[in-house]
Amino acid sequence: MIRMSSADSAARRARWLAELADALDEARRVMKQLAFEEIGSETMQLCARIDAARLEVDAMRLKRSPGDRQDFGPEWSKDVPWKLSA
């Protein structure tokens, strides 16, 4: 079994996410061209899904590592420093 270093793994992940982002951008461009020809609910839904996928890829690119995910719900504000000191 060959182990990759974390730097190699991160570089590979970054490259894959960049390629995925490019593919989604191309899909969006094609959908815009098709939308000029026929605007329908299926076309609009597909465009929305492509946009949502692109936003998710952008979010993944901004994360440092796959295990570094944090979900910030309404309860996060309970532990903010200015409330703890009061």
Protein backbone atom coordinates (compact mmCIF):
# COMPACT_ATOMS: atom_id res chain seq x y z
CA MET A 1 0.00 0.00 0.00
CA ILE A 2 1.36 3.40 -1.00
CA ARG A 3 0.51 6.37 1.20
CA MET A 4 0.36 9.87 -0.22
CA SER A 5 1.59 12.78 1.81
CA SER A 6 -1.01 15.24 2.96
CA ALA A 7 0.48 17.85 0.61
CA ASP A 8 0.12 15.47 -2.36
CA SER A 9 -3.40 14.61 -1.29
CA ALA A 10 -4.31 18.28 -0.92
CA ALA A 11 -2.82 19.11 -4.32
CA ARG A 12 -4.70 16.25 -5.94
CA ARG A 13 -7.94 17.35 -4.28
CA ALA A 14 -7.40 20.97 -5.37
CA ARG A 15 -6.71 19.88 -8.94
CA TRP A 16 -9.82 17.69 -9.00
CA LEU A 17 -12.01 20.50 -7.61
CA ALA A 18 -10.60 22.95 -10.17
CA GLU A 19 -11.38 20.53 -13.00
CA LEU A 20 -14.87 19.99 -11.62
CA ALA A 21 -15.43 23.75 -11.37
CA ASP A 22 -14.32 24.18 -14.99
CA ALA A 23 -16.71 21.42 -16.13
CA LEU A 24 -19.60 23.03 -14.26
CA ASP A 25 -18.78 26.42 -15.76
CA GLU A 26 -18.82 24.85 -19.23
CA ALA A 27 -22.15 23.14 -18.48
CA ARG A 28 -23.58 26.48 -17.37
CA ARG A 29 -22.36 28.13 -20.57
CA VAL A 30 -24.01 25.44 -22.69
CA MET A 31 -27.24 25.74 -20.72
CA LYS A 32 -27.29 29.50 -21.30
CA GLN A 33 -27.02 28.90 -25.03
CA LEU A 34 -29.85 26.37 -24.90
CA ALA A 35 -31.98 28.70 -22.79
CA PHE A 36 -32.00 31.23 -25.61
CA GLU A 37 -33.55 28.60 -27.83
CA GLU A 38 -36.04 27.14 -25.34
CA ILE A 39 -36.79 28.35 -21.86
CA GLY A 40 -38.72 25.76 -19.93
CA SER A 41 -39.02 24.53 -16.38
CA GLU A 42 -36.62 21.64 -17.03
CA THR A 43 -34.00 24.02 -18.41
CA MET A 44 -34.38 26.35 -15.43
CA GLN A 45 -34.18 23.45 -12.97
CA LEU A 46 -31.02 22.12 -14.58
CA CYS A 47 -29.43 25.58 -14.50
CA ALA A 48 -30.31 25.87 -10.81
CA ARG A 49 -28.77 22.46 -10.10
CA ILE A 50 -25.60 23.38 -11.98
CA ASP A 51 -25.37 26.64 -10.02
CA ALA A 52 -25.91 24.82 -6.72
CA ALA A 53 -23.23 22.27 -7.59
CA ARG A 54 -20.83 25.09 -8.52
CA LEU A 55 -21.45 26.81 -5.18
CA GLU A 56 -20.82 23.54 -3.36
CA VAL A 57 -17.53 23.08 -5.25
CA ASP A 58 -16.54 26.63 -4.32
CA ALA A 59 -17.30 25.87 -0.66
CA MET A 60 -15.24 22.69 -0.85
CA ARG A 61 -12.34 24.61 -2.37
CA LEU A 62 -12.38 27.06 0.52
CA LYS A 63 -12.20 24.33 3.15
CA ARG A 64 -8.73 23.37 4.36
CA SER A 65 -9.29 19.66 4.57
CA PRO A 66 -12.16 17.22 4.05
CA GLY A 67 -12.42 16.55 7.80
CA ASP A 68 -12.39 20.24 8.71
CA ARG A 69 -16.10 20.76 8.17
CA GLN A 70 -17.98 22.95 10.60
CA ASP A 71 -21.72 23.46 10.56
CA PHE A 72 -22.76 26.76 12.06
CA GLY A 73 -26.31 26.57 13.33
CA PRO A 74 -28.12 29.01 15.62
CA GLU A 75 -26.44 27.54 18.70
CA TRP A 76 -22.95 28.78 17.67
CA SER A 77 -23.61 32.18 19.21
CA LYS A 78 -23.85 30.72 22.75
CA ASP A 79 -20.07 30.55 23.06
CA VAL A 80 -18.96 33.84 21.54
CA PRO A 81 -16.30 35.56 23.70
CA TRP A 82 -18.24 38.77 24.39
CA LYS A 83 -21.18 36.77 25.82
CA LEU A 84 -18.93 34.54 27.98
CA SER A 85 -17.37 37.54 29.74
CA ALA A 86 -20.73 39.13 30.59
